[in-house]
């Protein structure tokens, strides 16, 4: 039994602060005031006899005692949540709600199309909102509840965030159709002579193409820096510029923008994109269903990541 002076609300507050590393972000996620969170922490500190969190660089860091408490508390809360939902009969056709997620634009043609088809056919009361990766700190959004999931180029070691491999990121070159008739094969020399369109410097950091080229003694002659892959595809389709993009994007958008895909004349290692979500949303029936739709949209394709068929849900720690 719980001691008389503790309740589940204190454990929920602890879990939220531990995951967010911030009292204010935890308060926003819990939809309570910051003083309420601070008060709950004060009660828990008195019960445990430990400060639990120390102020540090605009947030808080856990003590050793808090680290030791975090996993058992999170597992206990998860079991309670799953027990509450265990007998729920989820019916997409009668469900209503909004699902907000951060998504890198390379998978919008694949994931977005499947979500649109499935929701229209099976869950007309559900609305999905895509939040551009450039407009948010996706981890802060997951912790605060502003978004429910994210698709990103990398997993994370952040506490209480679950990850599932989704798609491979193998790179190719794109040109407009007929480019080779005018310029010849897209070999290393042609790649280095050509003018390139690319993402702006902030977005380029997600896949370090220029650093990989430098390690092989090469570089790009960048003419245009764009704000998204869609803009790159449009510009390349109407000019003699070339670009390096993920194949999953190039092959889905080639016919739309009049693009030809070519193997890159350099050795670029494959990366993996992940579906991420906060543990607090793991047991929600609607969100579990939508995550399964997202995973199924990539399964069986040439882009599916190794491990996509494994049961999702192990927290990344």
C-alpha atoms as a PDB file:
ATOM      1  CA  UNK A   1       0.000   0.000   0.000  1.00  0.00           C
ATOM      2  CA  UNK A   2       1.050   3.580  -0.556  1.00  0.00           C
ATOM      3  CA  UNK A   3       1.943   5.568   2.560  1.00  0.00           C
ATOM      4  CA  UNK A   4      -0.858   7.783   3.853  1.00  0.00           C
ATOM      5  CA  UNK A   5       0.990  10.946   2.821  1.00  0.00           C
ATOM      6  CA  UNK A   6       1.612  10.028  -0.842  1.00  0.00           C
ATOM      7  CA  UNK A   7      -0.697   9.709  -3.812  1.00  0.00           C
ATOM      8  CA  UNK A   8      -0.387   8.886  -7.496  1.00  0.00           C
ATOM      9  CA  UNK A   9      -0.419  12.568  -8.421  1.00  0.00           C
ATOM     10  CA  UNK A  10       2.982  12.977  -6.766  1.00  0.00           C
ATOM     11  CA  UNK A  11       4.382  10.100  -8.823  1.00  0.00           C
ATOM     12  CA  UNK A  12       2.939  11.560 -12.025  1.00  0.00           C
ATOM     13  CA  UNK A  13       4.545  14.918 -11.238  1.00  0.00           C
ATOM     14  CA  UNK A  14       7.882  13.224 -10.526  1.00  0.00           C
ATOM     15  CA  UNK A  15       7.686  11.304 -13.809  1.00  0.00           C
ATOM     16  CA  UNK A  16       6.828  14.418 -15.810  1.00  0.00           C
ATOM     17  CA  UNK A  17       9.646  16.492 -14.314  1.00  0.00           C
ATOM     18  CA  UNK A  18      12.146  13.663 -14.705  1.00  0.00           C
ATOM     19  CA  UNK A  19      11.238  13.209 -18.356  1.00  0.00           C
ATOM     20  CA  UNK A  20      11.142  16.906 -19.238  1.00  0.00           C
ATOM     21  CA  UNK A  21      14.099  18.115 -17.169  1.00  0.00           C
ATOM     22  CA  UNK A  22      12.047  21.203 -16.459  1.00  0.00           C
ATOM     23  CA  UNK A  23       9.372  22.138 -13.923  1.00  0.00           C
ATOM     24  CA  UNK A  24       7.677  24.557 -16.338  1.00  0.00           C
ATOM     25  CA  UNK A  25       7.561  22.063 -19.240  1.00  0.00           C
ATOM     26  CA  UNK A  26       6.230  19.390 -16.875  1.00  0.00           C
ATOM     27  CA  UNK A  27       3.514  21.787 -15.674  1.00  0.00           C
ATOM     28  CA  UNK A  28       2.472  22.474 -19.264  1.00  0.00           C
ATOM     29  CA  UNK A  29       2.327  18.749 -20.046  1.00  0.00           C
ATOM     30  CA  UNK A  30       0.249  18.039 -16.934  1.00  0.00           C
ATOM     31  CA  UNK A  31      -1.957  21.100 -17.585  1.00  0.00           C
ATOM     32  CA  UNK A  32      -1.422  22.453 -14.075  1.00  0.00           C
ATOM     33  CA  UNK A  33       0.340  25.537 -12.738  1.00  0.00           C
ATOM     34  CA  UNK A  34       4.070  25.652 -12.112  1.00  0.00           C
ATOM     35  CA  UNK A  35       3.514  26.334  -8.362  1.00  0.00           C
ATOM     36  CA  UNK A  36       1.371  23.170  -8.209  1.00  0.00           C
ATOM     37  CA  UNK A  37       4.223  21.122  -9.635  1.00  0.00           C
ATOM     38  CA  UNK A  38       6.730  22.749  -7.269  1.00  0.00           C
ATOM     39  CA  UNK A  39       4.422  22.045  -4.335  1.00  0.00           C
ATOM     40  CA  UNK A  40       4.030  18.392  -5.284  1.00  0.00           C
ATOM     41  CA  UNK A  41       7.799  18.025  -5.586  1.00  0.00           C
ATOM     42  CA  UNK A  42       8.230  19.590  -2.146  1.00  0.00           C
ATOM     43  CA  UNK A  43       5.854  17.013  -0.653  1.00  0.00           C
ATOM     44  CA  UNK A  44       7.636  14.164  -2.392  1.00  0.00           C
ATOM     45  CA  UNK A  45      11.054  15.432  -1.266  1.00  0.00           C
ATOM     46  CA  UNK A  46       9.844  15.430   2.314  1.00  0.00           C
ATOM     47  CA  UNK A  47       8.527  11.878   2.007  1.00  0.00           C
ATOM     48  CA  UNK A  48      11.638  10.512   0.272  1.00  0.00           C
ATOM     49  CA  UNK A  49      14.179  12.560   2.220  1.00  0.00           C
ATOM     50  CA  UNK A  50      16.069  13.580  -0.910  1.00  0.00           C
ATOM     51  CA  UNK A  51      16.115  16.776  -3.041  1.00  0.00           C
ATOM     52  CA  UNK A  52      15.340  14.645  -6.140  1.00  0.00           C
ATOM     53  CA  UNK A  53      16.099  17.489  -8.602  1.00  0.00           C
ATOM     54  CA  UNK A  54      18.773  20.191  -8.689  1.00  0.00           C
ATOM     55  CA  UNK A  55      18.404  23.443 -10.652  1.00  0.00           C
ATOM     56  CA  UNK A  56      20.794  23.489 -13.618  1.00  0.00           C
ATOM     57  CA  UNK A  57      21.039  25.655 -16.764  1.00  0.00           C
ATOM     58  CA  UNK A  58      17.425  26.686 -17.105  1.00  0.00           C
ATOM     59  CA  UNK A  59      16.035  23.354 -15.954  1.00  0.00           C
ATOM     60  CA  UNK A  60      16.649  20.623 -13.415  1.00  0.00           C
ATOM     61  CA  UNK A  61      18.800  17.501 -13.273  1.00  0.00           C
ATOM     62  CA  UNK A  62      17.918  14.393 -11.233  1.00  0.00           C
ATOM     63  CA  UNK A  63      19.817  13.239  -8.176  1.00  0.00           C
ATOM     64  CA  UNK A  64      21.090   9.678  -7.931  1.00  0.00           C
ATOM     65  CA  UNK A  65      18.030   8.811  -5.840  1.00  0.00           C
ATOM     66  CA  UNK A  66      15.717  10.209  -8.539  1.00  0.00           C
ATOM     67  CA  UNK A  67      17.536   8.172 -11.198  1.00  0.00           C
ATOM     68  CA  UNK A  68      17.000   5.036  -9.121  1.00  0.00           C
ATOM     69  CA  UNK A  69      13.290   5.829  -8.671  1.00  0.00           C
ATOM     70  CA  UNK A  70      12.538   6.788 -12.279  1.00  0.00           C
ATOM     71  CA  UNK A  71      12.286   3.415 -13.985  1.00  0.00           C
ATOM     72  CA  UNK A  72      10.128   1.676 -11.322  1.00  0.00           C
ATOM     73  CA  UNK A  73       7.781   4.671 -11.201  1.00  0.00           C
ATOM     74  CA  UNK A  74       7.500   4.847 -14.999  1.00  0.00           C
ATOM     75  CA  UNK A  75       6.882   1.090 -15.259  1.00  0.00           C
ATOM     76  CA  UNK A  76       4.237   1.234 -12.528  1.00  0.00           C
ATOM     77  CA  UNK A  77       2.434   4.138 -14.215  1.00  0.00           C
ATOM     78  CA  UNK A  78       2.579   2.333 -17.569  1.00  0.00           C
ATOM     79  CA  UNK A  79       1.075  -0.798 -16.059  1.00  0.00           C
ATOM     80  CA  UNK A  80      -1.755   1.247 -14.554  1.00  0.00           C
ATOM     81  CA  UNK A  81      -2.449   2.974 -17.869  1.00  0.00           C
ATOM     82  CA  UNK A  82      -2.351  -0.282 -19.818  1.00  0.00           C
ATOM     83  CA  UNK A  83      -4.634  -1.932 -17.272  1.00  0.00           C
ATOM     84  CA  UNK A  84      -7.159   0.889 -17.689  1.00  0.00           C
ATOM     85  CA  UNK A  85      -7.122   0.510 -21.488  1.00  0.00           C
ATOM     86  CA  UNK A  86      -6.863  -3.287 -21.537  1.00  0.00           C
ATOM     87  CA  UNK A  87     -10.580  -3.901 -21.929  1.00  0.00           C
ATOM     88  CA  UNK A  88     -11.334  -0.852 -24.036  1.00  0.00           C
ATOM     89  CA  UNK A  89     -12.918  -1.748 -27.344  1.00  0.00           C
ATOM     90  CA  UNK A  90     -11.326   0.710 -29.731  1.00  0.00           C
ATOM     91  CA  UNK A  91     -13.336   1.439 -32.866  1.00  0.00           C
ATOM     92  CA  UNK A  92     -11.679   3.823 -35.350  1.00  0.00           C
ATOM     93  CA  UNK A  93     -15.024   4.485 -37.019  1.00  0.00           C
ATOM     94  CA  UNK A  94     -16.484   6.105 -33.899  1.00  0.00           C
ATOM     95  CA  UNK A  95     -13.287   7.696 -32.552  1.00  0.00           C
ATOM     96  CA  UNK A  96     -12.765  11.433 -32.544  1.00  0.00           C
ATOM     97  CA  UNK A  97      -9.565  13.283 -31.862  1.00  0.00           C
ATOM     98  CA  UNK A  98      -6.536  15.107 -33.221  1.00  0.00           C
ATOM     99  CA  UNK A  99      -3.126  13.545 -33.775  1.00  0.00           C
ATOM    100  CA  UNK A 100      -0.252  16.013 -34.080  1.00  0.00           C
ATOM    101  CA  UNK A 101       3.186  14.916 -35.198  1.00  0.00           C
ATOM    102  CA  UNK A 102       6.491  16.341 -36.326  1.00  0.00           C
ATOM    103  CA  UNK A 103       7.545  14.805 -39.626  1.00  0.00           C
ATOM    104  CA  UNK A 104      10.590  15.211 -41.836  1.00  0.00           C
ATOM    105  CA  UNK A 105       9.407  16.004 -45.323  1.00  0.00           C
ATOM    106  CA  UNK A 106      11.122  13.064 -47.033  1.00  0.00           C
ATOM    107  CA  UNK A 107       8.435  10.658 -45.805  1.00  0.00           C
ATOM    108  CA  UNK A 108       5.385  12.901 -46.192  1.00  0.00           C
ATOM    109  CA  UNK A 109       4.549  11.389 -49.626  1.00  0.00           C
ATOM    110  CA  UNK A 110       4.594   7.858 -48.170  1.00  0.00           C
ATOM    111  CA  UNK A 111       3.237   8.255 -44.644  1.00  0.00           C
ATOM    112  CA  UNK A 112       0.923  11.177 -45.375  1.00  0.00           C
ATOM    113  CA  UNK A 113      -0.770   9.426 -48.275  1.00  0.00           C
ATOM    114  CA  UNK A 114      -1.404   6.247 -46.283  1.00  0.00           C
ATOM    115  CA  UNK A 115      -2.697   8.147 -43.259  1.00  0.00           C
ATOM    116  CA  UNK A 116      -5.016  10.147 -45.502  1.00  0.00           C
ATOM    117  CA  UNK A 117      -6.427   7.038 -47.181  1.00  0.00           C
ATOM    118  CA  UNK A 118      -6.854   5.062 -43.953  1.00  0.00           C
ATOM    119  CA  UNK A 119      -8.393   7.865 -41.910  1.00  0.00           C
ATOM    120  CA  UNK A 120     -10.812   8.776 -44.701  1.00  0.00           C
ATOM    121  CA  UNK A 121     -11.935   5.170 -45.012  1.00  0.00           C
ATOM    122  CA  UNK A 122     -11.846   4.004 -41.397  1.00  0.00           C
ATOM    123  CA  UNK A 123     -11.716   6.952 -38.979  1.00  0.00           C
ATOM    124  CA  UNK A 124     -13.520   9.994 -40.417  1.00  0.00           C
ATOM    125  CA  UNK A 125     -13.666  11.694 -37.003  1.00  0.00           C
ATOM    126  CA  UNK A 126      -9.887  11.826 -36.659  1.00  0.00           C
ATOM    127  CA  UNK A 127      -7.746  14.744 -37.808  1.00  0.00           C
ATOM    128  CA  UNK A 128      -3.966  14.545 -38.339  1.00  0.00           C
ATOM    129  CA  UNK A 129      -1.762  17.624 -38.201  1.00  0.00           C
ATOM    130  CA  UNK A 130       1.830  17.570 -39.469  1.00  0.00           C
ATOM    131  CA  UNK A 131       4.176  19.992 -37.690  1.00  0.00           C
ATOM    132  CA  UNK A 132       7.286  20.866 -39.787  1.00  0.00           C
ATOM    133  CA  UNK A 133      10.553  19.871 -38.179  1.00  0.00           C
ATOM    134  CA  UNK A 134      11.854  23.383 -38.773  1.00  0.00           C
ATOM    135  CA  UNK A 135       9.183  25.009 -36.617  1.00  0.00           C
ATOM    136  CA  UNK A 136       9.633  23.152 -33.362  1.00  0.00           C
ATOM    137  CA  UNK A 137      11.936  21.499 -30.905  1.00  0.00           C
ATOM    138  CA  UNK A 138      10.429  18.065 -31.349  1.00  0.00           C
ATOM    139  CA  UNK A 139      11.556  16.708 -27.967  1.00  0.00           C
ATOM    140  CA  UNK A 140      10.116  19.669 -26.081  1.00  0.00           C
ATOM    141  CA  UNK A 141       6.897  19.244 -28.047  1.00  0.00           C
ATOM    142  CA  UNK A 142       6.711  15.550 -27.157  1.00  0.00           C
ATOM    143  CA  UNK A 143       7.318  16.277 -23.470  1.00  0.00           C
ATOM    144  CA  UNK A 144       4.822  19.131 -23.298  1.00  0.00           C
ATOM    145  CA  UNK A 145       2.123  17.269 -25.210  1.00  0.00           C
ATOM    146  CA  UNK A 146       2.012  19.790 -28.062  1.00  0.00           C
ATOM    147  CA  UNK A 147       2.703  16.828 -30.367  1.00  0.00           C
ATOM    148  CA  UNK A 148       1.988  13.138 -29.944  1.00  0.00           C
ATOM    149  CA  UNK A 149       4.705  11.636 -32.159  1.00  0.00           C
ATOM    150  CA  UNK A 150       7.637  12.524 -34.384  1.00  0.00           C
ATOM    151  CA  UNK A 151       9.424  11.039 -37.380  1.00  0.00           C
ATOM    152  CA  UNK A 152      13.087  11.952 -37.268  1.00  0.00           C
ATOM    153  CA  UNK A 153      16.440  10.987 -38.771  1.00  0.00           C
ATOM    154  CA  UNK A 154      17.787   9.626 -35.497  1.00  0.00           C
ATOM    155  CA  UNK A 155      16.681   7.977 -32.249  1.00  0.00           C
ATOM    156  CA  UNK A 156      17.178   9.747 -28.941  1.00  0.00           C
ATOM    157  CA  UNK A 157      18.569   8.976 -25.516  1.00  0.00           C
ATOM    158  CA  UNK A 158      16.007  11.281 -23.876  1.00  0.00           C
ATOM    159  CA  UNK A 159      14.215   9.646 -20.932  1.00  0.00           C
ATOM    160  CA  UNK A 160      10.731   8.214 -21.492  1.00  0.00           C
ATOM    161  CA  UNK A 161      10.827   8.497 -25.285  1.00  0.00           C
ATOM    162  CA  UNK A 162      10.091   5.351 -27.258  1.00  0.00           C
ATOM    163  CA  UNK A 163      11.457   4.741 -30.747  1.00  0.00           C
ATOM    164  CA  UNK A 164      10.753   2.333 -33.586  1.00  0.00           C
ATOM    165  CA  UNK A 165      12.851   2.032 -36.783  1.00  0.00           C
ATOM    166  CA  UNK A 166      10.792   3.105 -39.768  1.00  0.00           C
ATOM    167  CA  UNK A 167      12.679   3.709 -43.015  1.00  0.00           C
ATOM    168  CA  UNK A 168      16.137   3.594 -44.555  1.00  0.00           C
ATOM    169  CA  UNK A 169      17.697   6.806 -45.826  1.00  0.00           C
ATOM    170  CA  UNK A 170      19.834   5.916 -48.837  1.00  0.00           C
ATOM    171  CA  UNK A 171      20.846   8.886 -50.954  1.00  0.00           C
ATOM    172  CA  UNK A 172      20.699   9.410 -54.702  1.00  0.00           C
ATOM    173  CA  UNK A 173      21.197  12.277 -57.131  1.00  0.00           C
ATOM    174  CA  UNK A 174      18.326  13.903 -58.984  1.00  0.00           C
ATOM    175  CA  UNK A 175      18.357  15.879 -62.227  1.00  0.00           C
ATOM    176  CA  UNK A 176      15.665  16.950 -64.622  1.00  0.00           C
ATOM    177  CA  UNK A 177      14.836  14.385 -67.282  1.00  0.00           C
ATOM    178  CA  UNK A 178      17.269  14.686 -70.220  1.00  0.00           C
ATOM    179  CA  UNK A 179      20.101  16.163 -68.117  1.00  0.00           C
ATOM    180  CA  UNK A 180      22.459  13.349 -69.137  1.00  0.00           C
ATOM    181  CA  UNK A 181      21.794  13.996 -72.827  1.00  0.00           C
ATOM    182  CA  UNK A 182      23.319  17.447 -72.388  1.00  0.00           C
ATOM    183  CA  UNK A 183      25.965  16.787 -69.754  1.00  0.00           C
ATOM    184  CA  UNK A 184      26.868  13.113 -69.999  1.00  0.00           C
ATOM    185  CA  UNK A 185      26.942  10.480 -67.256  1.00  0.00           C
ATOM    186  CA  UNK A 186      26.642  11.746 -63.697  1.00  0.00           C
ATOM    187  CA  UNK A 187      30.043  10.536 -62.523  1.00  0.00           C
ATOM    188  CA  UNK A 188      32.312  12.140 -59.931  1.00  0.00           C
ATOM    189  CA  UNK A 189      33.684  14.758 -62.342  1.00  0.00           C
ATOM    190  CA  UNK A 190      30.210  15.737 -63.538  1.00  0.00           C
ATOM    191  CA  UNK A 191      28.977  15.882 -59.918  1.00  0.00           C
ATOM    192  CA  UNK A 192      31.784  18.286 -58.980  1.00  0.00           C
ATOM    193  CA  UNK A 193      31.296  20.460 -62.096  1.00  0.00           C
ATOM    194  CA  UNK A 194      27.539  20.734 -61.726  1.00  0.00           C
ATOM    195  CA  UNK A 195      25.712  23.409 -59.784  1.00  0.00           C
ATOM    196  CA  UNK A 196      23.687  22.096 -56.843  1.00  0.00           C
ATOM    197  CA  UNK A 197      20.461  22.884 -55.066  1.00  0.00           C
ATOM    198  CA  UNK A 198      20.406  21.892 -51.424  1.00  0.00           C
ATOM    199  CA  UNK A 199      18.672  22.500 -48.120  1.00  0.00           C
ATOM    200  CA  UNK A 200      19.620  25.511 -46.031  1.00  0.00           C
ATOM    201  CA  UNK A 201      22.469  25.096 -43.593  1.00  0.00           C
ATOM    202  CA  UNK A 202      20.285  24.306 -40.578  1.00  0.00           C
ATOM    203  CA  UNK A 203      18.388  21.530 -42.348  1.00  0.00           C
ATOM    204  CA  UNK A 204      21.551  20.156 -43.996  1.00  0.00           C
ATOM    205  CA  UNK A 205      22.920  19.331 -40.548  1.00  0.00           C
ATOM    206  CA  UNK A 206      20.466  16.437 -40.188  1.00  0.00           C
ATOM    207  CA  UNK A 207      22.240  14.445 -42.929  1.00  0.00           C
ATOM    208  CA  UNK A 208      25.860  15.677 -43.119  1.00  0.00           C
ATOM    209  CA  UNK A 209      26.362  15.288 -46.876  1.00  0.00           C
ATOM    210  CA  UNK A 210      29.045  17.980 -47.131  1.00  0.00           C
ATOM    211  CA  UNK A 211      31.074  16.452 -44.314  1.00  0.00           C
ATOM    212  CA  UNK A 212      30.860  13.047 -45.997  1.00  0.00           C
ATOM    213  CA  UNK A 213      31.963  14.564 -49.303  1.00  0.00           C
ATOM    214  CA  UNK A 214      34.902  16.326 -47.636  1.00  0.00           C
ATOM    215  CA  UNK A 215      36.036  13.026 -46.129  1.00  0.00           C
ATOM    216  CA  UNK A 216      36.255  11.691 -49.706  1.00  0.00           C
ATOM    217  CA  UNK A 217      38.091  14.743 -51.019  1.00  0.00           C
ATOM    218  CA  UNK A 218      35.167  16.425 -52.737  1.00  0.00           C
ATOM    219  CA  UNK A 219      32.649  19.240 -52.326  1.00  0.00           C
ATOM    220  CA  UNK A 220      29.508  20.622 -53.942  1.00  0.00           C
ATOM    221  CA  UNK A 221      29.169  23.879 -55.901  1.00  0.00           C
ATOM    222  CA  UNK A 222      26.023  25.125 -54.208  1.00  0.00           C
ATOM    223  CA  UNK A 223      23.924  27.616 -56.146  1.00  0.00           C
ATOM    224  CA  UNK A 224      20.572  27.486 -54.319  1.00  0.00           C
ATOM    225  CA  UNK A 225      19.805  26.830 -50.665  1.00  0.00           C
ATOM    226  CA  UNK A 226      16.168  25.884 -50.201  1.00  0.00           C
ATOM    227  CA  UNK A 227      13.793  25.576 -47.247  1.00  0.00           C
ATOM    228  CA  UNK A 228      12.520  22.088 -48.094  1.00  0.00           C
ATOM    229  CA  UNK A 229      12.893  19.077 -50.368  1.00  0.00           C
ATOM    230  CA  UNK A 230       9.707  19.968 -52.218  1.00  0.00           C
ATOM    231  CA  UNK A 231      11.284  23.255 -53.330  1.00  0.00           C
ATOM    232  CA  UNK A 232      14.466  21.463 -54.375  1.00  0.00           C
ATOM    233  CA  UNK A 233      12.482  18.992 -56.494  1.00  0.00           C
ATOM    234  CA  UNK A 234      10.604  21.797 -58.223  1.00  0.00           C
ATOM    235  CA  UNK A 235      13.745  23.817 -58.976  1.00  0.00           C
ATOM    236  CA  UNK A 236      15.773  20.823 -60.189  1.00  0.00           C
ATOM    237  CA  UNK A 237      12.897  19.762 -62.452  1.00  0.00           C
ATOM    238  CA  UNK A 238      13.056  23.104 -64.298  1.00  0.00           C
ATOM    239  CA  UNK A 239      16.826  23.843 -64.356  1.00  0.00           C
ATOM    240  CA  UNK A 240      20.185  22.179 -64.913  1.00  0.00           C
ATOM    241  CA  UNK A 241      20.861  22.150 -61.184  1.00  0.00           C
ATOM    242  CA  UNK A 242      21.304  18.772 -59.521  1.00  0.00           C
ATOM    243  CA  UNK A 243      20.679  17.690 -55.920  1.00  0.00           C
ATOM    244  CA  UNK A 244      21.379  14.897 -53.468  1.00  0.00           C
ATOM    245  CA  UNK A 245      18.193  13.666 -51.776  1.00  0.00           C
ATOM    246  CA  UNK A 246      16.936  10.511 -50.040  1.00  0.00           C
ATOM    247  CA  UNK A 247      15.779   7.905 -52.565  1.00  0.00           C
ATOM    248  CA  UNK A 248      12.466   7.416 -50.745  1.00  0.00           C
ATOM    249  CA  UNK A 249      11.610  11.010 -51.698  1.00  0.00           C
ATOM    250  CA  UNK A 250      13.100  11.011 -55.210  1.00  0.00           C
ATOM    251  CA  UNK A 251      11.291   7.922 -56.415  1.00  0.00           C
ATOM    252  CA  UNK A 252       7.891   9.012 -55.095  1.00  0.00           C
ATOM    253  CA  UNK A 253       8.207  12.558 -56.483  1.00  0.00           C
ATOM    254  CA  UNK A 254      10.067  11.862 -59.742  1.00  0.00           C
ATOM    255  CA  UNK A 255       6.996  11.750 -61.974  1.00  0.00           C
ATOM    256  CA  UNK A 256       5.432  14.777 -60.264  1.00  0.00           C
ATOM    257  CA  UNK A 257       8.403  17.072 -60.907  1.00  0.00           C
ATOM    258  CA  UNK A 258       9.923  15.483 -64.028  1.00  0.00           C
ATOM    259  CA  UNK A 259      12.999  14.108 -62.274  1.00  0.00           C
ATOM    260  CA  UNK A 260      15.510  11.420 -63.118  1.00  0.00           C
ATOM    261  CA  UNK A 261      17.287   9.544 -60.315  1.00  0.00           C
ATOM    262  CA  UNK A 262      20.941   8.535 -60.511  1.00  0.00           C
ATOM    263  CA  UNK A 263      23.264   6.624 -58.185  1.00  0.00           C
ATOM    264  CA  UNK A 264      25.525   8.944 -56.207  1.00  0.00           C
ATOM    265  CA  UNK A 265      29.158   8.682 -57.365  1.00  0.00           C
ATOM    266  CA  UNK A 266      30.257   8.722 -53.716  1.00  0.00           C
ATOM    267  CA  UNK A 267      29.931   6.344 -50.802  1.00  0.00           C
ATOM    268  CA  UNK A 268      27.166   7.603 -48.534  1.00  0.00           C
ATOM    269  CA  UNK A 269      26.281   5.255 -45.645  1.00  0.00           C
ATOM    270  CA  UNK A 270      22.603   4.485 -45.122  1.00  0.00           C
ATOM    271  CA  UNK A 271      20.868   6.153 -42.172  1.00  0.00           C
ATOM    272  CA  UNK A 272      17.601   5.222 -40.487  1.00  0.00           C
ATOM    273  CA  UNK A 273      14.509   7.295 -39.743  1.00  0.00           C
ATOM    274  CA  UNK A 274      12.587   6.574 -36.531  1.00  0.00           C
ATOM    275  CA  UNK A 275       9.048   6.949 -35.245  1.00  0.00           C
ATOM    276  CA  UNK A 276       9.243   8.498 -31.757  1.00  0.00           C
ATOM    277  CA  UNK A 277       6.637   9.055 -29.046  1.00  0.00           C
ATOM    278  CA  UNK A 278       6.501   9.814 -25.331  1.00  0.00           C
ATOM    279  CA  UNK A 279       5.687   6.959 -22.993  1.00  0.00           C
ATOM    280  CA  UNK A 280       2.658   8.788 -21.630  1.00  0.00           C
ATOM    281  CA  UNK A 281       1.004   8.225 -25.024  1.00  0.00           C
ATOM    282  CA  UNK A 282       2.043   4.586 -25.379  1.00  0.00           C
ATOM    283  CA  UNK A 283      -1.249   3.088 -24.166  1.00  0.00           C
ATOM    284  CA  UNK A 284      -3.685   5.523 -25.768  1.00  0.00           C
ATOM    285  CA  UNK A 285      -5.865   3.401 -28.121  1.00  0.00           C
ATOM    286  CA  UNK A 286      -6.230   6.001 -30.884  1.00  0.00           C
ATOM    287  CA  UNK A 287      -2.548   6.838 -30.911  1.00  0.00           C
ATOM    288  CA  UNK A 288      -1.552   3.170 -30.879  1.00  0.00           C
ATOM    289  CA  UNK A 289      -3.781   2.604 -33.897  1.00  0.00           C
ATOM    290  CA  UNK A 290      -2.368   5.596 -35.770  1.00  0.00           C
ATOM    291  CA  UNK A 291       1.222   4.533 -35.012  1.00  0.00           C
ATOM    292  CA  UNK A 292       0.413   1.097 -36.445  1.00  0.00           C
ATOM    293  CA  UNK A 293      -0.924   2.752 -39.620  1.00  0.00           C
ATOM    294  CA  UNK A 294       2.320   4.729 -39.943  1.00  0.00           C
ATOM    295  CA  UNK A 295       4.474   1.626 -39.449  1.00  0.00           C
ATOM    296  CA  UNK A 296       2.359  -0.404 -41.898  1.00  0.00           C
ATOM    297  CA  UNK A 297       2.685   2.347 -44.522  1.00  0.00           C
ATOM    298  CA  UNK A 298       6.399   1.567 -44.828  1.00  0.00           C
ATOM    299  CA  UNK A 299       6.399  -2.197 -44.176  1.00  0.00           C
ATOM    300  CA  UNK A 300       7.059  -4.269 -47.263  1.00  0.00           C
ATOM    301  CA  UNK A 301       8.484  -1.351 -49.264  1.00  0.00           C
ATOM    302  CA  UNK A 302      12.034  -1.059 -50.507  1.00  0.00           C
ATOM    303  CA  UNK A 303      12.571   1.652 -47.881  1.00  0.00           C
ATOM    304  CA  UNK A 304      11.588  -0.329 -44.781  1.00  0.00           C
ATOM    305  CA  UNK A 305      14.240  -0.248 -42.047  1.00  0.00           C
ATOM    306  CA  UNK A 306      15.621  -3.405 -40.486  1.00  0.00           C
ATOM    307  CA  UNK A 307      13.639  -4.121 -37.331  1.00  0.00           C
ATOM    308  CA  UNK A 308      10.407  -2.526 -38.552  1.00  0.00           C
ATOM    309  CA  UNK A 309       8.617  -5.878 -38.085  1.00  0.00           C
ATOM    310  CA  UNK A 310       9.659  -6.107 -34.439  1.00  0.00           C
ATOM    311  CA  UNK A 311       7.008  -5.207 -31.845  1.00  0.00           C
ATOM    312  CA  UNK A 312       7.321  -1.444 -31.263  1.00  0.00           C
ATOM    313  CA  UNK A 313       7.640   0.139 -27.902  1.00  0.00           C
ATOM    314  CA  UNK A 314      10.939  -0.394 -26.133  1.00  0.00           C
ATOM    315  CA  UNK A 315      11.858   2.900 -24.462  1.00  0.00           C
ATOM    316  CA  UNK A 316      15.144   4.425 -25.576  1.00  0.00           C
ATOM    317  CA  UNK A 317      17.262   5.120 -22.482  1.00  0.00           C
END
